[in-house]
PDB file of N, CA and C in Angstrom:
ATOM      1  N   MET A   1      41.383 -10.881  54.930  1.00  0.00           N
ATOM      2  CA  MET A   1      40.542 -11.662  55.327  1.00  0.00           C
ATOM      3  C   MET A   1      39.541  -9.890  56.110  1.00  0.00           C
ATOM      4  N   PHE A   2      38.495  -9.751  56.135  1.00  0.00           N
ATOM      5  CA  PHE A   2      38.182  -8.708  56.504  1.00  0.00           C
ATOM      6  C   PHE A   2      37.317  -8.884  57.645  1.00  0.00           C
ATOM      7  N   VAL A   3      37.063  -7.380  58.593  1.00  0.00           N
ATOM      8  CA  VAL A   3      37.060  -7.457  59.534  1.00  0.00           C
ATOM      9  C   VAL A   3      35.640  -6.647  59.564  1.00  0.00           C
ATOM     10  N   ARG A   4      33.686  -7.004  59.838  1.00  0.00           N
ATOM     11  CA  ARG A   4      32.780  -6.526  59.534  1.00  0.00           C
ATOM     12  C   ARG A   4      32.276  -6.157  60.698  1.00  0.00           C
ATOM     13  N   ALA A   5      31.733  -4.963  60.761  1.00  0.00           N
ATOM     14  CA  ALA A   5      30.584  -4.534  61.881  1.00  0.00           C
ATOM     15  C   ALA A   5      29.377  -4.746  61.699  1.00  0.00           C
ATOM     16  N   VAL A   6      29.067  -5.986  62.376  1.00  0.00           N
ATOM     17  CA  VAL A   6      27.663  -6.648  62.202  1.00  0.00           C
ATOM     18  C   VAL A   6      26.623  -5.902  62.377  1.00  0.00           C
ATOM     19  N   ASP A   7      26.305  -4.860  63.676  1.00  0.00           N
ATOM     20  CA  ASP A   7      25.622  -3.978  63.743  1.00  0.00           C
ATOM     21  C   ASP A   7      25.577  -2.564  63.264  1.00  0.00           C
ATOM     22  N   LYS A   8      26.973  -2.356  62.070  1.00  0.00           N
ATOM     23  CA  LYS A   8      26.915  -1.076  61.107  1.00  0.00           C
ATOM     24  C   LYS A   8      27.621  -1.446  59.792  1.00  0.00           C
ATOM     25  N   PRO A   9      26.155  -2.225  59.204  1.00  0.00           N
ATOM     26  CA  PRO A   9      26.460  -2.642  57.935  1.00  0.00           C
ATOM     27  C   PRO A   9      27.309  -1.777  56.651  1.00  0.00           C
ATOM     28  N   ASP A  10      27.351  -0.547  57.168  1.00  0.00           N
ATOM     29  CA  ASP A  10      27.518   0.596  56.008  1.00  0.00           C
ATOM     30  C   ASP A  10      29.231   1.315  56.318  1.00  0.00           C
ATOM     31  N   LEU A  11      29.601   0.694  57.445  1.00  0.00           N
ATOM     32  CA  LEU A  11      30.480   0.692  57.492  1.00  0.00           C
ATOM     33  C   LEU A  11      31.775   0.365  56.516  1.00  0.00           C
ATOM     34  N   VAL A  12      33.181   0.582  56.178  1.00  0.00           N
ATOM     35  CA  VAL A  12      33.872   0.122  55.802  1.00  0.00           C
ATOM     36  C   VAL A  12      34.539  -0.801  56.283  1.00  0.00           C
ATOM     37  N   PRO A  13      34.427  -2.124  55.769  1.00  0.00           N
ATOM     38  CA  PRO A  13      35.284  -3.344  57.294  1.00  0.00           C
ATOM     39  C   PRO A  13      36.943  -2.962  56.939  1.00  0.00           C
ATOM     40  N   PHE A  14      37.112  -3.607  57.763  1.00  0.00           N
ATOM     41  CA  PHE A  14      39.088  -3.008  58.379  1.00  0.00           C
ATOM     42  C   PHE A  14      39.553  -4.393  57.912  1.00  0.00           C
ATOM     43  N   SER A  15      40.520  -4.195  56.972  1.00  0.00           N
ATOM     44  CA  SER A  15      41.475  -5.867  56.489  1.00  0.00           C
ATOM     45  C   SER A  15      42.551  -5.974  57.676  1.00  0.00           C
ATOM     46  N   MET A  16      42.786  -7.965  57.572  1.00  0.00           N
ATOM     47  CA  MET A  16      42.900  -7.741  58.445  1.00  0.00           C
ATOM     48  C   MET A  16      44.084  -9.272  57.822  1.00  0.00           C
ATOM     49  N   PRO A  17      45.008  -9.233  58.138  1.00  0.00           N
ATOM     50  CA  PRO A  17      45.477 -10.835  57.387  1.00  0.00           C
ATOM     51  C   PRO A  17      45.365 -11.622  58.087  1.00  0.00           C
ATOM     52  N   ASP A  18      45.498 -13.430  57.026  1.00  0.00           N
ATOM     53  CA  ASP A  18      44.099 -14.253  56.752  1.00  0.00           C
ATOM     54  C   ASP A  18      45.072 -15.407  58.694  1.00  0.00           C
ATOM     55  N   ARG A  19      45.763 -14.437  59.324  1.00  0.00           N
ATOM     56  CA  ARG A  19      46.169 -15.450  60.527  1.00  0.00           C
ATOM     57  C   ARG A  19      45.135 -14.994  61.295  1.00  0.00           C
ATOM     58  N   PHE A  20      44.769 -13.601  61.446  1.00  0.00           N
ATOM     59  CA  PHE A  20      43.826 -13.192  62.223  1.00  0.00           C
ATOM     60  C   PHE A  20      42.403 -13.438  62.665  1.00  0.00           C
ATOM     61  N   LYS A  21      42.758 -15.123  62.292  1.00  0.00           N
ATOM     62  CA  LYS A  21      41.308 -15.692  62.038  1.00  0.00           C
ATOM     63  C   LYS A  21      41.629 -16.794  63.485  1.00  0.00           C
ATOM     64  N   ARG A  22      42.763 -17.017  63.296  1.00  0.00           N
ATOM     65  CA  ARG A  22      43.328 -17.298  64.935  1.00  0.00           C
ATOM     66  C   ARG A  22      43.448 -16.411  66.158  1.00  0.00           C
ATOM     67  N   ASP A  23      44.151 -14.698  65.806  1.00  0.00           N
ATOM     68  CA  ASP A  23      44.690 -13.762  66.726  1.00  0.00           C
ATOM     69  C   ASP A  23      43.106 -13.373  67.367  1.00  0.00           C
ATOM     70  N   ILE A  24      42.153 -13.687  66.382  1.00  0.00           N
ATOM     71  CA  ILE A  24      40.437 -12.283  67.640  1.00  0.00           C
ATOM     72  C   ILE A  24      40.011 -13.497  68.345  1.00  0.00           C
ATOM     73  N   ALA A  25      40.712 -14.495  68.192  1.00  0.00           N
ATOM     74  CA  ALA A  25      40.369 -15.921  69.975  1.00  0.00           C
ATOM     75  C   ALA A  25      40.961 -15.048  71.479  1.00  0.00           C
ATOM     76  N   TYR A  26      41.694 -14.237  70.823  1.00  0.00           N
ATOM     77  CA  TYR A  26      43.289 -13.793  72.282  1.00  0.00           C
ATOM     78  C   TYR A  26      42.002 -12.231  72.841  1.00  0.00           C
ATOM     79  N   PHE A  27      41.126 -11.819  71.911  1.00  0.00           N
ATOM     80  CA  PHE A  27      40.598 -10.387  72.256  1.00  0.00           C
ATOM     81  C   PHE A  27      39.137 -10.492  72.244  1.00  0.00           C
ATOM     82  N   MET A  28      38.498 -11.058  72.338  1.00  0.00           N
ATOM     83  CA  MET A  28      37.015 -11.754  72.289  1.00  0.00           C
ATOM     84  C   MET A  28      36.758 -12.023  73.556  1.00  0.00           C
ATOM     85  N   THR A  29      35.232 -11.952  73.884  1.00  0.00           N
ATOM     86  CA  THR A  29      34.787 -11.960  75.064  1.00  0.00           C
ATOM     87  C   THR A  29      34.049 -12.825  74.970  1.00  0.00           C
ATOM     88  N   PRO A  30      34.012 -13.938  76.388  1.00  0.00           N
ATOM     89  CA  PRO A  30      33.700 -15.377  75.434  1.00  0.00           C
ATOM     90  C   PRO A  30      32.049 -15.806  76.069  1.00  0.00           C
ATOM     91  N   LYS A  31      31.465 -16.592  75.123  1.00  0.00           N
ATOM     92  CA  LYS A  31      30.305 -16.816  75.348  1.00  0.00           C
ATOM     93  C   LYS A  31      29.909 -16.855  76.616  1.00  0.00           C
ATOM     94  N   GLY A  32      28.310 -16.439  77.149  1.00  0.00           N
ATOM     95  CA  GLY A  32      28.358 -16.700  78.331  1.00  0.00           C
ATOM     96  C   GLY A  32      28.274 -15.491  79.251  1.00  0.00           C
ATOM     97  N   GLU A  33      29.272 -14.567  78.867  1.00  0.00           N
ATOM     98  CA  GLU A  33      29.316 -13.511  80.086  1.00  0.00           C
ATOM     99  C   GLU A  33      28.435 -12.803  80.155  1.00  0.00           C
ATOM    100  N   PRO A  34      27.941 -11.695  80.414  1.00  0.00           N
ATOM    101  CA  PRO A  34      27.248 -11.156  80.371  1.00  0.00           C
ATOM    102  C   PRO A  34      26.900 -10.526  79.563  1.00  0.00           C
ATOM    103  N   GLY A  35      25.939  -9.986  79.176  1.00  0.00           N
ATOM    104  CA  GLY A  35      26.031  -8.859  77.687  1.00  0.00           C
ATOM    105  C   GLY A  35      25.934  -9.299  76.560  1.00  0.00           C
ATOM    106  N   VAL A  36      27.058 -10.699  76.445  1.00  0.00           N
ATOM    107  CA  VAL A  36      27.385 -11.247  75.111  1.00  0.00           C
ATOM    108  C   VAL A  36      25.886 -11.440  74.233  1.00  0.00           C
ATOM    109  N   PRO A  37      25.891 -11.820  73.536  1.00  0.00           N
ATOM    110  CA  PRO A  37      23.799 -11.739  72.516  1.00  0.00           C
ATOM    111  C   PRO A  37      24.975 -13.378  72.116  1.00  0.00           C
ATOM    112  N   PRO A  38      23.539 -14.035  71.025  1.00  0.00           N
ATOM    113  CA  PRO A  38      24.028 -15.147  71.219  1.00  0.00           C
ATOM    114  C   PRO A  38      24.575 -14.504  69.635  1.00  0.00           C
ATOM    115  N   LEU A  39      25.708 -15.273  69.051  1.00  0.00           N
ATOM    116  CA  LEU A  39      27.123 -15.569  67.909  1.00  0.00           C
ATOM    117  C   LEU A  39      26.195 -15.818  67.191  1.00  0.00           C
ATOM    118  N   GLY A  40      26.450 -15.525  65.376  1.00  0.00           N
ATOM    119  CA  GLY A  40      26.263 -16.898  64.713  1.00  0.00           C
ATOM    120  C   GLY A  40      27.846 -16.906  64.396  1.00  0.00           C
ATOM    121  N   PRO A  41      27.772 -18.108  62.993  1.00  0.00           N
ATOM    122  CA  PRO A  41      29.272 -18.543  62.483  1.00  0.00           C
ATOM    123  C   PRO A  41      30.378 -17.385  61.961  1.00  0.00           C
ATOM    124  N   GLY A  42      31.674 -17.572  62.434  1.00  0.00           N
ATOM    125  CA  GLY A  42      32.480 -16.541  62.439  1.00  0.00           C
ATOM    126  C   GLY A  42      32.103 -14.696  63.154  1.00  0.00           C
ATOM    127  N   GLU A  43      31.428 -15.130  64.006  1.00  0.00           N
ATOM    128  CA  GLU A  43      31.325 -13.847  64.563  1.00  0.00           C
ATOM    129  C   GLU A  43      31.709 -13.422  65.660  1.00  0.00           C
ATOM    130  N   TYR A  44      32.329 -12.297  66.195  1.00  0.00           N
ATOM    131  CA  TYR A  44      32.421 -12.280  67.762  1.00  0.00           C
ATOM    132  C   TYR A  44      31.965 -10.939  68.038  1.00  0.00           C
ATOM    133  N   TRP A  45      32.125 -11.278  69.845  1.00  0.00           N
ATOM    134  CA  TRP A  45      31.826 -10.285  70.631  1.00  0.00           C
ATOM    135  C   TRP A  45      33.119  -9.310  71.396  1.00  0.00           C
ATOM    136  N   ILE A  46      33.651  -8.581  71.134  1.00  0.00           N
ATOM    137  CA  ILE A  46      34.946  -7.487  71.913  1.00  0.00           C
ATOM    138  C   ILE A  46      33.888  -6.243  73.218  1.00  0.00           C
ATOM    139  N   ARG A  47      33.842  -7.227  73.792  1.00  0.00           N
ATOM    140  CA  ARG A  47      34.028  -5.536  74.901  1.00  0.00           C
ATOM    141  C   ARG A  47      34.724  -4.051  74.553  1.00  0.00           C
ATOM    142  N   GLN A  48      33.612  -2.739  74.525  1.00  0.00           N
ATOM    143  CA  GLN A  48      34.142  -1.884  75.116  1.00  0.00           C
ATOM    144  C   GLN A  48      35.196  -1.910  75.689  1.00  0.00           C
ATOM    145  N   THR A  49      34.937  -1.503  76.486  1.00  0.00           N
ATOM    146  CA  THR A  49      36.182  -1.922  78.630  1.00  0.00           C
ATOM    147  C   THR A  49      37.100  -2.477  77.945  1.00  0.00           C
ATOM    148  N   ASP A  50      36.881  -3.811  77.023  1.00  0.00           N
ATOM    149  CA  ASP A  50      38.221  -4.720  76.713  1.00  0.00           C
ATOM    150  C   ASP A  50      39.385  -4.539  76.150  1.00  0.00           C
ATOM    151  N   ILE A  51      38.613  -3.595  74.873  1.00  0.00           N
ATOM    152  CA  ILE A  51      39.265  -3.202  74.122  1.00  0.00           C
ATOM    153  C   ILE A  51      39.425  -1.860  74.753  1.00  0.00           C
ATOM    154  N   ARG A  52      40.042  -0.315  74.878  1.00  0.00           N
ATOM    155  CA  ARG A  52      39.914   0.155  76.403  1.00  0.00           C
ATOM    156  C   ARG A  52      41.512  -0.537  77.224  1.00  0.00           C
ATOM    157  N   ARG A  53      40.876  -1.675  77.278  1.00  0.00           N
ATOM    158  CA  ARG A  53      42.639  -2.119  77.733  1.00  0.00           C
ATOM    159  C   ARG A  53      44.022  -2.775  77.469  1.00  0.00           C
ATOM    160  N   PHE A  54      42.989  -3.204  76.656  1.00  0.00           N
ATOM    161  CA  PHE A  54      44.016  -3.602  75.377  1.00  0.00           C
ATOM    162  C   PHE A  54      44.528  -2.491  74.572  1.00  0.00           C
ATOM    163  N   LEU A  55      44.040  -1.887  74.188  1.00  0.00           N
ATOM    164  CA  LEU A  55      45.302  -0.060  74.188  1.00  0.00           C
ATOM    165  C   LEU A  55      45.666   0.527  74.869  1.00  0.00           C
ATOM    166  N   ASP A  56      45.241   0.670  75.839  1.00  0.00           N
ATOM    167  CA  ASP A  56      46.065   0.893  77.025  1.00  0.00           C
ATOM    168  C   ASP A  56      47.210   0.294  77.729  1.00  0.00           C
ATOM    169  N   ASP A  57      46.817  -1.049  77.761  1.00  0.00           N
ATOM    170  CA  ASP A  57      47.799  -1.685  78.091  1.00  0.00           C
ATOM    171  C   ASP A  57      49.371  -1.760  77.050  1.00  0.00           C
ATOM    172  N   GLY A  58      48.440  -1.588  76.149  1.00  0.00           N
ATOM    173  CA  GLY A  58      49.443  -2.394  74.581  1.00  0.00           C
ATOM    174  C   GLY A  58      49.642  -3.433  74.370  1.00  0.00           C
ATOM    175  N   VAL A  59      49.505  -4.610  75.626  1.00  0.00           N
ATOM    176  CA  VAL A  59      49.487  -6.733  75.366  1.00  0.00           C
ATOM    177  C   VAL A  59      48.365  -7.231  75.254  1.00  0.00           C
ATOM    178  N   LEU A  60      48.338  -8.476  74.931  1.00  0.00           N
ATOM    179  CA  LEU A  60      47.623  -9.514  75.417  1.00  0.00           C
ATOM    180  C   LEU A  60      48.378 -10.253  76.552  1.00  0.00           C
ATOM    181  N   THR A  61      47.394 -10.651  77.576  1.00  0.00           N
ATOM    182  CA  THR A  61      47.959 -11.767  78.552  1.00  0.00           C
ATOM    183  C   THR A  61      47.246 -13.283  77.683  1.00  0.00           C
ATOM    184  N   LEU A  62      48.809 -13.470  77.888  1.00  0.00           N
ATOM    185  CA  LEU A  62      48.107 -15.217  77.334  1.00  0.00           C
ATOM    186  C   LEU A  62      48.090 -15.923  78.347  1.00  0.00           C
ATOM    187  N   ILE A  63      46.738 -16.906  78.603  1.00  0.00           N
ATOM    188  CA  ILE A  63      47.072 -17.702  79.575  1.00  0.00           C
ATOM    189  C   ILE A  63      47.148 -19.095  78.565  1.00  0.00           C
ATOM    190  N   SER A  64      47.984 -20.347  79.689  1.00  0.00           N
ATOM    191  CA  SER A  64      48.435 -21.517  78.539  1.00  0.00           C
ATOM    192  C   SER A  64      47.279 -22.253  79.484  1.00  0.00           C
ATOM    193  N   PRO A  65      46.967 -23.091  77.871  1.00  0.00           N
ATOM    194  CA  PRO A  65      45.456 -24.016  78.343  1.00  0.00           C
ATOM    195  C   PRO A  65      46.181 -25.115  79.071  1.00  0.00           C
ATOM    196  N   LEU A  66      47.212 -25.039  79.290  1.00  0.00           N
ATOM    197  CA  LEU A  66      47.623 -26.603  79.729  1.00  0.00           C
ATOM    198  C   LEU A  66      47.963 -26.379  81.497  1.00  0.00           C
ATOM    199  N   ASP A  67      48.541 -24.834  81.925  1.00  0.00           N
ATOM    200  CA  ASP A  67      48.765 -24.303  82.761  1.00  0.00           C
ATOM    201  C   ASP A  67      48.440 -23.001  82.936  1.00  0.00           C
ATOM    202  N   SER A  68      46.526 -23.156  84.100  1.00  0.00           N
ATOM    203  CA  SER A  68      46.538 -21.637  84.000  1.00  0.00           C
ATOM    204  C   SER A  68      47.102 -20.925  85.668  1.00  0.00           C
ATOM    205  N   GLN A  69      47.573 -21.006  85.731  1.00  0.00           N
ATOM    206  CA  GLN A  69      48.674 -20.465  86.786  1.00  0.00           C
ATOM    207  C   GLN A  69      50.063 -19.698  86.139  1.00  0.00           C
ATOM    208  N   HIS A  70      50.077 -20.172  84.815  1.00  0.00           N
ATOM    209  CA  HIS A  70      51.513 -19.081  84.062  1.00  0.00           C
ATOM    210  C   HIS A  70      51.089 -18.626  82.776  1.00  0.00           C
ATOM    211  N   GLN A  71      51.148 -16.850  83.025  1.00  0.00           N
ATOM    212  CA  GLN A  71      50.336 -16.474  82.193  1.00  0.00           C
ATOM    213  C   GLN A  71      51.560 -15.174  81.327  1.00  0.00           C
ATOM    214  N   THR A  72      51.529 -14.951  80.009  1.00  0.00           N
ATOM    215  CA  THR A  72      52.204 -14.414  79.185  1.00  0.00           C
ATOM    216  C   THR A  72      51.552 -12.865  78.433  1.00  0.00           C
ATOM    217  N   GLU A  73      53.071 -11.970  78.696  1.00  0.00           N
ATOM    218  CA  GLU A  73      52.149 -10.471  77.928  1.00  0.00           C
ATOM    219  C   GLU A  73      52.550 -10.956  77.069  1.00  0.00           C
ATOM    220  N   VAL A  74      52.033 -10.486  75.793  1.00  0.00           N
ATOM    221  CA  VAL A  74      52.630 -10.316  74.682  1.00  0.00           C
ATOM    222  C   VAL A  74      51.841  -8.358  73.937  1.00  0.00           C
ATOM    223  N   GLU A  75      52.725  -8.405  73.213  1.00  0.00           N
ATOM    224  CA  GLU A  75      52.924  -6.821  73.004  1.00  0.00           C
ATOM    225  C   GLU A  75      51.876  -6.639  71.699  1.00  0.00           C
ATOM    226  N   LEU A  76      51.038  -5.648  71.409  1.00  0.00           N
ATOM    227  CA  LEU A  76      49.780  -5.819  70.140  1.00  0.00           C
ATOM    228  C   LEU A  76      51.095  -5.785  68.912  1.00  0.00           C
ATOM    229  N   SER A  77      50.749  -6.160  67.721  1.00  0.00           N
ATOM    230  CA  SER A  77      50.968  -5.768  66.716  1.00  0.00           C
ATOM    231  C   SER A  77      50.536  -4.595  66.363  1.00  0.00           C
ATOM    232  N   GLU A  78      51.808  -4.147  65.093  1.00  0.00           N
ATOM    233  CA  GLU A  78      51.001  -2.442  64.937  1.00  0.00           C
ATOM    234  C   GLU A  78      49.469  -3.099  63.689  1.00  0.00           C
ATOM    235  N   GLU A  79      49.073  -4.411  63.302  1.00  0.00           N
ATOM    236  CA  GLU A  79      47.973  -4.026  62.943  1.00  0.00           C
ATOM    237  C   GLU A  79      46.761  -4.388  63.687  1.00  0.00           C
ATOM    238  N   GLN A  80      47.274  -5.040  64.998  1.00  0.00           N
ATOM    239  CA  GLN A  80      46.408  -5.280  66.021  1.00  0.00           C
ATOM    240  C   GLN A  80      45.785  -3.839  66.864  1.00  0.00           C
ATOM    241  N   GLN A  81      46.697  -3.050  66.711  1.00  0.00           N
ATOM    242  CA  GLN A  81      46.769  -2.205  67.171  1.00  0.00           C
ATOM    243  C   GLN A  81      45.420  -1.256  66.464  1.00  0.00           C
ATOM    244  N   ALA A  82      45.635  -0.958  65.276  1.00  0.00           N
ATOM    245  CA  ALA A  82      45.353  -0.323  64.434  1.00  0.00           C
ATOM    246  C   ALA A  82      43.768  -1.041  64.706  1.00  0.00           C
ATOM    247  N   TRP A  83      43.308  -2.489  64.011  1.00  0.00           N
ATOM    248  CA  TRP A  83      41.978  -2.712  64.708  1.00  0.00           C
ATOM    249  C   TRP A  83      41.227  -2.157  66.004  1.00  0.00           C
ATOM    250  N   LEU A  84      41.981  -2.281  66.770  1.00  0.00           N
ATOM    251  CA  LEU A  84      41.161  -1.862  67.806  1.00  0.00           C
ATOM    252  C   LEU A  84      40.975  -1.190  68.120  1.00  0.00           C
ATOM    253  N   GLU A  85      41.603   0.255  67.589  1.00  0.00           N
ATOM    254  CA  GLU A  85      41.599   1.017  67.394  1.00  0.00           C
ATOM    255  C   GLU A  85      40.466   1.911  66.042  1.00  0.00           C
ATOM    256  N   TRP A  86      40.592   1.095  65.690  1.00  0.00           N
ATOM    257  CA  TRP A  86      38.953   0.925  64.569  1.00  0.00           C
ATOM    258  C   TRP A  86      37.854   0.952  65.285  1.00  0.00           C
ATOM    259  N   MET A  87      37.742  -0.380  65.939  1.00  0.00           N
ATOM    260  CA  MET A  87      36.578  -1.270  66.856  1.00  0.00           C
ATOM    261  C   MET A  87      36.263   0.312  67.893  1.00  0.00           C
ATOM    262  N   GLN A  88      37.279   1.189  68.652  1.00  0.00           N
ATOM    263  CA  GLN A  88      36.955   1.380  69.485  1.00  0.00           C
ATOM    264  C   GLN A  88      36.352   3.351  68.641  1.00  0.00           C
ATOM    265  N   GLN A  89      37.074   3.606  67.769  1.00  0.00           N
ATOM    266  CA  GLN A  89      36.625   4.923  66.675  1.00  0.00           C
ATOM    267  C   GLN A  89      35.682   4.714  66.545  1.00  0.00           C
ATOM    268  N   HIS A  90      34.544   3.509  67.120  1.00  0.00           N
ATOM    269  CA  HIS A  90      33.282   3.361  65.480  1.00  0.00           C
ATOM    270  C   HIS A  90      32.033   2.565  66.939  1.00  0.00           C
ATOM    271  N   GLY A  91      33.166   2.362  67.810  1.00  0.00           N
ATOM    272  CA  GLY A  91      31.989   1.198  68.820  1.00  0.00           C
ATOM    273  C   GLY A  91      31.249   0.741  68.551  1.00  0.00           C
ATOM    274  N   ILE A  92      31.948  -0.174  68.053  1.00  0.00           N
ATOM    275  CA  ILE A  92      32.462  -1.664  67.479  1.00  0.00           C
ATOM    276  C   ILE A  92      32.298  -2.596  68.724  1.00  0.00           C
ATOM    277  N   GLU A  93      31.532  -3.394  68.963  1.00  0.00           N
ATOM    278  CA  GLU A  93      31.440  -4.418  69.881  1.00  0.00           C
ATOM    279  C   GLU A  93      31.636  -6.208  69.245  1.00  0.00           C
ATOM    280  N   HIS A  94      30.462  -6.125  67.682  1.00  0.00           N
ATOM    281  CA  HIS A  94      29.915  -6.830  67.310  1.00  0.00           C
ATOM    282  C   HIS A  94      30.579  -7.100  65.963  1.00  0.00           C
ATOM    283  N   VAL A  95      31.775  -8.131  65.710  1.00  0.00           N
ATOM    284  CA  VAL A  95      32.110  -8.047  64.712  1.00  0.00           C
ATOM    285  C   VAL A  95      31.710  -9.749  63.824  1.00  0.00           C
ATOM    286  N   ARG A  96      32.045 -10.218  62.853  1.00  0.00           N
ATOM    287  CA  ARG A  96      32.120 -11.339  61.698  1.00  0.00           C
ATOM    288  C   ARG A  96      33.611 -10.979  61.121  1.00  0.00           C
ATOM    289  N   LEU A  97      34.087 -12.225  60.902  1.00  0.00           N
ATOM    290  CA  LEU A  97      35.247 -12.293  59.528  1.00  0.00           C
ATOM    291  C   LEU A  97      34.523 -12.616  58.395  1.00  0.00           C
ATOM    292  N   ASP A  98      35.213 -11.606  57.219  1.00  0.00           N
ATOM    293  CA  ASP A  98      35.422 -12.663  56.365  1.00  0.00           C
ATOM    294  C   ASP A  98      36.243 -12.655  55.323  1.00  0.00           C
ATOM    295  N   PRO A  99      36.057 -13.318  54.422  1.00  0.00           N
ATOM    296  CA  PRO A  99      37.269 -13.575  53.353  1.00  0.00           C
ATOM    297  C   PRO A  99      37.299 -12.931  52.670  1.00  0.00           C
TER     298      PRO A  99
END
């Protein structure tokens, strides 16, 4: 699968494993948050401030859908870290996943 920068169509897409379709939800900025534009199918918005935080922390904080009081930190995979670095390097926030 490929991660494409919606606002930078000339940028070479970033290759990720197919399981990234599920993983990207952990990184995305929720719809309705300030600054998030309308998104098309398969599109995601990840704020640069969040990208920097993920890279600085080196972890994702996962919140249980059954119990919001319990959180777990999961270390970023090498693939996730490389993707976030690509996003940061190119100033990307709006991406689309393509097979």
